[in-house]
């Protein structure tokens, strides 16, 4: 393999990983983020599209307020995510099917809750280590350590949104949504408030999003700041 070809593959992987970490992105955003020319990014996107690793989507209407035709955003497909830490999916799915057949639905829920226990187990220690982080940012740090590429977006007045750009168990969670439900319950428990899952990668969305509403005190601080 020639050097130029190796270099192209490495750059193409950087483009794909940037979409993984930051979510569906325009070619212009990728070019700026990776310090590449727009033409170079489009060339790699064309190849990723041909390979079936990404798909082009129309942007959300509220995200575009300028004139002219809005730029398309590019998101990883299920095939594209396969290259990022999704090993042993078939084995895990087979194990959960066996558990469901032998132990029933309750056994699957109990397994899902035990798997999601890392959220509660690590929350207080990570918050103590990083007092500068808000509660949602602590969760993002914990999820990122577990391979979820998580971040936090501020939602004025309403609260915050925990975004997981990658899910290492997405294929299995598609068949067993109890895994997603257990994570949501664990998040709600450590925060001491109701949270709502708005989207999941396991069900075809580009990113897992969880809405974390502000407490009355936090809302007051947001308005006064």
C-alpha atoms as a PDB file:
ATOM      1  CA  UNK A   1       0.000   0.000   0.000  1.00  0.00           C
ATOM      2  CA  UNK A   2       1.436   3.368  -1.018  1.00  0.00           C
ATOM      3  CA  UNK A   3       1.980   6.179   1.484  1.00  0.00           C
ATOM      4  CA  UNK A   4      -0.691   8.396  -0.105  1.00  0.00           C
ATOM      5  CA  UNK A   5      -3.277   5.643   0.255  1.00  0.00           C
ATOM      6  CA  UNK A   6      -2.358   5.054   3.904  1.00  0.00           C
ATOM      7  CA  UNK A   7      -2.550   8.794   4.549  1.00  0.00           C
ATOM      8  CA  UNK A   8      -6.007   8.968   2.940  1.00  0.00           C
ATOM      9  CA  UNK A   9      -7.287   6.117   5.098  1.00  0.00           C
ATOM     10  CA  UNK A  10      -5.942   7.759   8.262  1.00  0.00           C
ATOM     11  CA  UNK A  11      -7.563  11.082   7.385  1.00  0.00           C
ATOM     12  CA  UNK A  12     -10.809   9.329   6.502  1.00  0.00           C
ATOM     13  CA  UNK A  13     -10.788   7.674   9.923  1.00  0.00           C
ATOM     14  CA  UNK A  14     -10.291  11.121  11.519  1.00  0.00           C
ATOM     15  CA  UNK A  15     -13.339  12.393   9.635  1.00  0.00           C
ATOM     16  CA  UNK A  16     -15.422   9.423  10.767  1.00  0.00           C
ATOM     17  CA  UNK A  17     -14.245   9.723  14.384  1.00  0.00           C
ATOM     18  CA  UNK A  18     -15.022  13.443  14.408  1.00  0.00           C
ATOM     19  CA  UNK A  19     -18.604  12.628  13.408  1.00  0.00           C
ATOM     20  CA  UNK A  20     -18.683   9.924  16.080  1.00  0.00           C
ATOM     21  CA  UNK A  21     -17.515  12.263  18.848  1.00  0.00           C
ATOM     22  CA  UNK A  22     -19.305  15.453  17.793  1.00  0.00           C
ATOM     23  CA  UNK A  23     -22.433  14.049  16.201  1.00  0.00           C
ATOM     24  CA  UNK A  24     -23.878  14.663  12.709  1.00  0.00           C
ATOM     25  CA  UNK A  25     -21.785  17.414  11.096  1.00  0.00           C
ATOM     26  CA  UNK A  26     -21.636  19.513   7.941  1.00  0.00           C
ATOM     27  CA  UNK A  27     -18.621  19.341   5.647  1.00  0.00           C
ATOM     28  CA  UNK A  28     -17.718  22.909   6.642  1.00  0.00           C
ATOM     29  CA  UNK A  29     -17.787  22.056  10.356  1.00  0.00           C
ATOM     30  CA  UNK A  30     -15.603  18.995   9.773  1.00  0.00           C
ATOM     31  CA  UNK A  31     -13.107  21.014   7.736  1.00  0.00           C
ATOM     32  CA  UNK A  32     -12.784  23.606  10.486  1.00  0.00           C
ATOM     33  CA  UNK A  33     -12.593  21.013  13.255  1.00  0.00           C
ATOM     34  CA  UNK A  34      -9.925  18.909  11.529  1.00  0.00           C
ATOM     35  CA  UNK A  35      -7.995  21.775   9.904  1.00  0.00           C
ATOM     36  CA  UNK A  36      -8.638  20.398   6.423  1.00  0.00           C
ATOM     37  CA  UNK A  37      -9.821  22.077   3.256  1.00  0.00           C
ATOM     38  CA  UNK A  38     -13.557  21.737   2.475  1.00  0.00           C
ATOM     39  CA  UNK A  39     -12.605  19.993  -0.788  1.00  0.00           C
ATOM     40  CA  UNK A  40     -10.546  17.386   1.080  1.00  0.00           C
ATOM     41  CA  UNK A  41     -13.351  16.736   3.548  1.00  0.00           C
ATOM     42  CA  UNK A  42     -15.904  16.327   0.751  1.00  0.00           C
ATOM     43  CA  UNK A  43     -13.615  13.851  -1.007  1.00  0.00           C
ATOM     44  CA  UNK A  44     -13.402  11.722   2.140  1.00  0.00           C
ATOM     45  CA  UNK A  45     -17.127  12.070   2.782  1.00  0.00           C
ATOM     46  CA  UNK A  46     -17.837  10.889  -0.760  1.00  0.00           C
ATOM     47  CA  UNK A  47     -15.767   7.773  -0.104  1.00  0.00           C
ATOM     48  CA  UNK A  48     -17.435   7.185   3.276  1.00  0.00           C
ATOM     49  CA  UNK A  49     -20.828   7.564   1.594  1.00  0.00           C
ATOM     50  CA  UNK A  50     -19.824   5.068  -1.094  1.00  0.00           C
ATOM     51  CA  UNK A  51     -18.605   2.645   1.582  1.00  0.00           C
ATOM     52  CA  UNK A  52     -21.885   3.000   3.460  1.00  0.00           C
ATOM     53  CA  UNK A  53     -20.146   4.330   6.578  1.00  0.00           C
ATOM     54  CA  UNK A  54     -21.991   7.672   6.611  1.00  0.00           C
ATOM     55  CA  UNK A  55     -25.272   8.998   5.326  1.00  0.00           C
ATOM     56  CA  UNK A  56     -26.297  12.519   4.301  1.00  0.00           C
ATOM     57  CA  UNK A  57     -29.253  14.029   6.108  1.00  0.00           C
ATOM     58  CA  UNK A  58     -31.240  17.210   5.791  1.00  0.00           C
ATOM     59  CA  UNK A  59     -30.501  19.540   8.734  1.00  0.00           C
ATOM     60  CA  UNK A  60     -33.180  20.249  11.292  1.00  0.00           C
ATOM     61  CA  UNK A  61     -35.217  23.217  10.130  1.00  0.00           C
ATOM     62  CA  UNK A  62     -34.711  25.213  13.343  1.00  0.00           C
ATOM     63  CA  UNK A  63     -30.944  24.930  12.996  1.00  0.00           C
ATOM     64  CA  UNK A  64     -30.942  26.871   9.709  1.00  0.00           C
ATOM     65  CA  UNK A  65     -31.993  30.495   9.732  1.00  0.00           C
ATOM     66  CA  UNK A  66     -29.903  31.913   6.889  1.00  0.00           C
ATOM     67  CA  UNK A  67     -30.676  32.318   3.229  1.00  0.00           C
ATOM     68  CA  UNK A  68     -30.086  29.708   0.598  1.00  0.00           C
ATOM     69  CA  UNK A  69     -30.241  25.958   0.718  1.00  0.00           C
ATOM     70  CA  UNK A  70     -29.057  24.581   4.091  1.00  0.00           C
ATOM     71  CA  UNK A  71     -25.951  22.398   4.069  1.00  0.00           C
ATOM     72  CA  UNK A  72     -26.469  18.679   4.557  1.00  0.00           C
ATOM     73  CA  UNK A  73     -25.195  17.026   7.705  1.00  0.00           C
ATOM     74  CA  UNK A  74     -23.363  13.715   7.665  1.00  0.00           C
ATOM     75  CA  UNK A  75     -24.037  11.024  10.271  1.00  0.00           C
ATOM     76  CA  UNK A  76     -22.504   7.614  10.857  1.00  0.00           C
ATOM     77  CA  UNK A  77     -24.584   4.661   9.759  1.00  0.00           C
ATOM     78  CA  UNK A  78     -24.853   1.466  11.766  1.00  0.00           C
ATOM     79  CA  UNK A  79     -22.187   0.012   9.478  1.00  0.00           C
ATOM     80  CA  UNK A  80     -19.978   3.018  10.157  1.00  0.00           C
ATOM     81  CA  UNK A  81     -20.255   2.528  13.880  1.00  0.00           C
ATOM     82  CA  UNK A  82     -19.137  -1.070  13.575  1.00  0.00           C
ATOM     83  CA  UNK A  83     -15.537   0.046  13.438  1.00  0.00           C
ATOM     84  CA  UNK A  84     -15.712   1.782  16.817  1.00  0.00           C
ATOM     85  CA  UNK A  85     -15.502  -0.535  19.793  1.00  0.00           C
ATOM     86  CA  UNK A  86     -18.540  -2.690  18.992  1.00  0.00           C
ATOM     87  CA  UNK A  87     -17.030  -6.111  19.572  1.00  0.00           C
ATOM     88  CA  UNK A  88     -18.774  -9.291  20.646  1.00  0.00           C
ATOM     89  CA  UNK A  89     -22.249  -7.942  19.808  1.00  0.00           C
ATOM     90  CA  UNK A  90     -23.491 -11.283  18.511  1.00  0.00           C
ATOM     91  CA  UNK A  91     -22.247 -13.113  21.587  1.00  0.00           C
ATOM     92  CA  UNK A  92     -23.833 -10.537  23.931  1.00  0.00           C
ATOM     93  CA  UNK A  93     -27.161 -10.703  22.101  1.00  0.00           C
ATOM     94  CA  UNK A  94     -27.147 -14.496  22.227  1.00  0.00           C
ATOM     95  CA  UNK A  95     -26.418 -14.413  25.956  1.00  0.00           C
ATOM     96  CA  UNK A  96     -29.298 -12.018  26.610  1.00  0.00           C
ATOM     97  CA  UNK A  97     -31.670 -14.093  24.478  1.00  0.00           C
ATOM     98  CA  UNK A  98     -30.727 -17.137  26.546  1.00  0.00           C
ATOM     99  CA  UNK A  99     -31.269 -15.131  29.741  1.00  0.00           C
ATOM    100  CA  UNK A 100     -34.692 -13.997  28.513  1.00  0.00           C
ATOM    101  CA  UNK A 101     -35.676 -17.553  27.607  1.00  0.00           C
ATOM    102  CA  UNK A 102     -34.520 -19.074  30.890  1.00  0.00           C
ATOM    103  CA  UNK A 103     -35.100 -16.261  33.367  1.00  0.00           C
ATOM    104  CA  UNK A 104     -37.769 -14.175  31.706  1.00  0.00           C
ATOM    105  CA  UNK A 105     -38.157 -10.419  31.255  1.00  0.00           C
ATOM    106  CA  UNK A 106     -37.344  -9.668  34.891  1.00  0.00           C
ATOM    107  CA  UNK A 107     -33.943 -11.352  34.558  1.00  0.00           C
ATOM    108  CA  UNK A 108     -33.086  -9.150  31.573  1.00  0.00           C
ATOM    109  CA  UNK A 109     -34.127  -6.023  33.476  1.00  0.00           C
ATOM    110  CA  UNK A 110     -32.032  -7.067  36.461  1.00  0.00           C
ATOM    111  CA  UNK A 111     -29.016  -7.623  34.215  1.00  0.00           C
ATOM    112  CA  UNK A 112     -29.538  -4.227  32.570  1.00  0.00           C
ATOM    113  CA  UNK A 113     -29.742  -2.534  35.972  1.00  0.00           C
ATOM    114  CA  UNK A 114     -26.555  -4.251  37.134  1.00  0.00           C
ATOM    115  CA  UNK A 115     -24.749  -3.166  33.976  1.00  0.00           C
ATOM    116  CA  UNK A 116     -25.880   0.458  34.457  1.00  0.00           C
ATOM    117  CA  UNK A 117     -24.652   0.412  38.066  1.00  0.00           C
ATOM    118  CA  UNK A 118     -21.366   2.006  36.975  1.00  0.00           C
ATOM    119  CA  UNK A 119     -23.227   5.331  36.802  1.00  0.00           C
ATOM    120  CA  UNK A 120     -24.156   5.366  40.485  1.00  0.00           C
ATOM    121  CA  UNK A 121     -20.934   3.729  41.595  1.00  0.00           C
ATOM    122  CA  UNK A 122     -18.715   6.371  40.011  1.00  0.00           C
ATOM    123  CA  UNK A 123     -20.836   9.515  40.282  1.00  0.00           C
ATOM    124  CA  UNK A 124     -19.805  10.712  43.751  1.00  0.00           C
ATOM    125  CA  UNK A 125     -16.124   9.893  43.322  1.00  0.00           C
ATOM    126  CA  UNK A 126     -15.872  11.686  39.958  1.00  0.00           C
ATOM    127  CA  UNK A 127     -17.749  14.691  41.358  1.00  0.00           C
ATOM    128  CA  UNK A 128     -15.346  14.813  44.315  1.00  0.00           C
ATOM    129  CA  UNK A 129     -12.338  14.615  41.980  1.00  0.00           C
ATOM    130  CA  UNK A 130     -13.714  17.345  39.710  1.00  0.00           C
ATOM    131  CA  UNK A 131     -15.691  19.846  41.837  1.00  0.00           C
ATOM    132  CA  UNK A 132     -15.574  22.326  38.963  1.00  0.00           C
ATOM    133  CA  UNK A 133     -17.928  20.121  36.913  1.00  0.00           C
ATOM    134  CA  UNK A 134     -21.696  20.335  37.055  1.00  0.00           C
ATOM    135  CA  UNK A 135     -23.747  17.188  37.621  1.00  0.00           C
ATOM    136  CA  UNK A 136     -24.443  16.671  33.916  1.00  0.00           C
ATOM    137  CA  UNK A 137     -20.762  17.185  33.100  1.00  0.00           C
ATOM    138  CA  UNK A 138     -19.855  14.563  35.700  1.00  0.00           C
ATOM    139  CA  UNK A 139     -22.179  12.141  33.932  1.00  0.00           C
ATOM    140  CA  UNK A 140     -20.615  13.011  30.572  1.00  0.00           C
ATOM    141  CA  UNK A 141     -17.174  12.253  32.003  1.00  0.00           C
ATOM    142  CA  UNK A 142     -18.359   8.883  33.351  1.00  0.00           C
ATOM    143  CA  UNK A 143     -20.065   7.887  30.100  1.00  0.00           C
ATOM    144  CA  UNK A 144     -17.071   8.984  28.014  1.00  0.00           C
ATOM    145  CA  UNK A 145     -14.809   6.796  30.147  1.00  0.00           C
ATOM    146  CA  UNK A 146     -17.112   3.902  29.275  1.00  0.00           C
ATOM    147  CA  UNK A 147     -16.835   4.569  25.529  1.00  0.00           C
ATOM    148  CA  UNK A 148     -19.955   6.683  24.916  1.00  0.00           C
ATOM    149  CA  UNK A 149     -18.226   9.896  23.695  1.00  0.00           C
ATOM    150  CA  UNK A 150     -20.601  11.988  25.797  1.00  0.00           C
ATOM    151  CA  UNK A 151     -20.963  15.753  26.115  1.00  0.00           C
ATOM    152  CA  UNK A 152     -23.369  18.305  27.585  1.00  0.00           C
ATOM    153  CA  UNK A 153     -25.401  20.946  25.783  1.00  0.00           C
ATOM    154  CA  UNK A 154     -27.015  23.807  27.621  1.00  0.00           C
ATOM    155  CA  UNK A 155     -30.737  24.299  27.016  1.00  0.00           C
ATOM    156  CA  UNK A 156     -31.664  27.848  28.073  1.00  0.00           C
ATOM    157  CA  UNK A 157     -34.331  27.926  30.798  1.00  0.00           C
ATOM    158  CA  UNK A 158     -35.209  24.248  30.375  1.00  0.00           C
ATOM    159  CA  UNK A 159     -31.972  22.714  31.646  1.00  0.00           C
ATOM    160  CA  UNK A 160     -29.289  20.591  29.994  1.00  0.00           C
ATOM    161  CA  UNK A 161     -29.024  17.784  27.505  1.00  0.00           C
ATOM    162  CA  UNK A 162     -26.672  14.836  27.934  1.00  0.00           C
ATOM    163  CA  UNK A 163     -25.522  13.735  24.477  1.00  0.00           C
ATOM    164  CA  UNK A 164     -23.910  10.355  23.829  1.00  0.00           C
ATOM    165  CA  UNK A 165     -22.408  10.427  20.347  1.00  0.00           C
ATOM    166  CA  UNK A 166     -21.514   6.751  20.489  1.00  0.00           C
ATOM    167  CA  UNK A 167     -23.015   3.711  22.165  1.00  0.00           C
ATOM    168  CA  UNK A 168     -20.764   0.655  22.550  1.00  0.00           C
ATOM    169  CA  UNK A 169     -23.823  -1.590  22.988  1.00  0.00           C
ATOM    170  CA  UNK A 170     -26.107  -0.024  20.366  1.00  0.00           C
ATOM    171  CA  UNK A 171     -26.612  -3.223  18.366  1.00  0.00           C
ATOM    172  CA  UNK A 172     -27.618  -5.207  21.431  1.00  0.00           C
ATOM    173  CA  UNK A 173     -29.743  -2.374  22.841  1.00  0.00           C
ATOM    174  CA  UNK A 174     -31.716  -2.320  19.592  1.00  0.00           C
ATOM    175  CA  UNK A 175     -33.030  -5.771  20.486  1.00  0.00           C
ATOM    176  CA  UNK A 176     -32.973  -5.225  24.258  1.00  0.00           C
ATOM    177  CA  UNK A 177     -34.113  -1.649  25.050  1.00  0.00           C
ATOM    178  CA  UNK A 178     -33.923  -2.550  28.752  1.00  0.00           C
ATOM    179  CA  UNK A 179     -30.259  -1.516  28.527  1.00  0.00           C
ATOM    180  CA  UNK A 180     -31.237   2.039  27.587  1.00  0.00           C
ATOM    181  CA  UNK A 181     -34.036   2.125  30.141  1.00  0.00           C
ATOM    182  CA  UNK A 182     -31.696   1.057  32.950  1.00  0.00           C
ATOM    183  CA  UNK A 183     -29.207   3.805  32.046  1.00  0.00           C
ATOM    184  CA  UNK A 184     -31.978   6.402  32.125  1.00  0.00           C
ATOM    185  CA  UNK A 185     -33.193   5.183  35.506  1.00  0.00           C
ATOM    186  CA  UNK A 186     -29.634   5.269  36.879  1.00  0.00           C
ATOM    187  CA  UNK A 187     -29.147   8.853  35.635  1.00  0.00           C
ATOM    188  CA  UNK A 188     -32.419   9.894  37.240  1.00  0.00           C
ATOM    189  CA  UNK A 189     -31.449   8.246  40.513  1.00  0.00           C
ATOM    190  CA  UNK A 190     -28.022   9.892  40.894  1.00  0.00           C
ATOM    191  CA  UNK A 191     -29.450  13.316  40.000  1.00  0.00           C
ATOM    192  CA  UNK A 192     -32.494  12.948  42.205  1.00  0.00           C
ATOM    193  CA  UNK A 193     -34.876  14.160  39.519  1.00  0.00           C
ATOM    194  CA  UNK A 194     -36.864  12.888  36.554  1.00  0.00           C
ATOM    195  CA  UNK A 195     -34.972  12.823  33.259  1.00  0.00           C
ATOM    196  CA  UNK A 196     -36.248  11.961  29.798  1.00  0.00           C
ATOM    197  CA  UNK A 197     -34.584  10.079  26.956  1.00  0.00           C
ATOM    198  CA  UNK A 198     -35.426  11.907  23.751  1.00  0.00           C
ATOM    199  CA  UNK A 199     -33.481   9.774  21.276  1.00  0.00           C
ATOM    200  CA  UNK A 200     -31.248   6.710  21.153  1.00  0.00           C
ATOM    201  CA  UNK A 201     -28.672   5.437  18.684  1.00  0.00           C
ATOM    202  CA  UNK A 202     -30.090   1.954  19.232  1.00  0.00           C
ATOM    203  CA  UNK A 203     -33.328   3.047  17.551  1.00  0.00           C
ATOM    204  CA  UNK A 204     -31.746   4.796  14.590  1.00  0.00           C
ATOM    205  CA  UNK A 205     -31.109   8.296  15.911  1.00  0.00           C
ATOM    206  CA  UNK A 206     -27.759   9.966  15.282  1.00  0.00           C
ATOM    207  CA  UNK A 207     -27.080  10.493  18.972  1.00  0.00           C
ATOM    208  CA  UNK A 208     -28.505   9.422  22.332  1.00  0.00           C
ATOM    209  CA  UNK A 209     -29.975  12.465  24.062  1.00  0.00           C
ATOM    210  CA  UNK A 210     -31.278  12.745  27.604  1.00  0.00           C
ATOM    211  CA  UNK A 211     -33.037  15.894  28.777  1.00  0.00           C
ATOM    212  CA  UNK A 212     -32.017  16.913  32.309  1.00  0.00           C
ATOM    213  CA  UNK A 213     -34.405  19.610  33.561  1.00  0.00           C
ATOM    214  CA  UNK A 214     -33.165  22.293  35.899  1.00  0.00           C
ATOM    215  CA  UNK A 215     -34.255  22.254  39.506  1.00  0.00           C
ATOM    216  CA  UNK A 216     -36.193  25.338  40.646  1.00  0.00           C
ATOM    217  CA  UNK A 217     -32.987  26.741  42.210  1.00  0.00           C
ATOM    218  CA  UNK A 218     -31.001  26.173  39.017  1.00  0.00           C
ATOM    219  CA  UNK A 219     -33.707  27.864  36.936  1.00  0.00           C
ATOM    220  CA  UNK A 220     -33.571  30.907  39.209  1.00  0.00           C
ATOM    221  CA  UNK A 221     -29.785  31.075  38.828  1.00  0.00           C
ATOM    222  CA  UNK A 222     -30.037  30.820  35.032  1.00  0.00           C
ATOM    223  CA  UNK A 223     -32.546  33.680  34.859  1.00  0.00           C
ATOM    224  CA  UNK A 224     -30.534  35.935  37.187  1.00  0.00           C
ATOM    225  CA  UNK A 225     -27.179  35.240  35.506  1.00  0.00           C
END
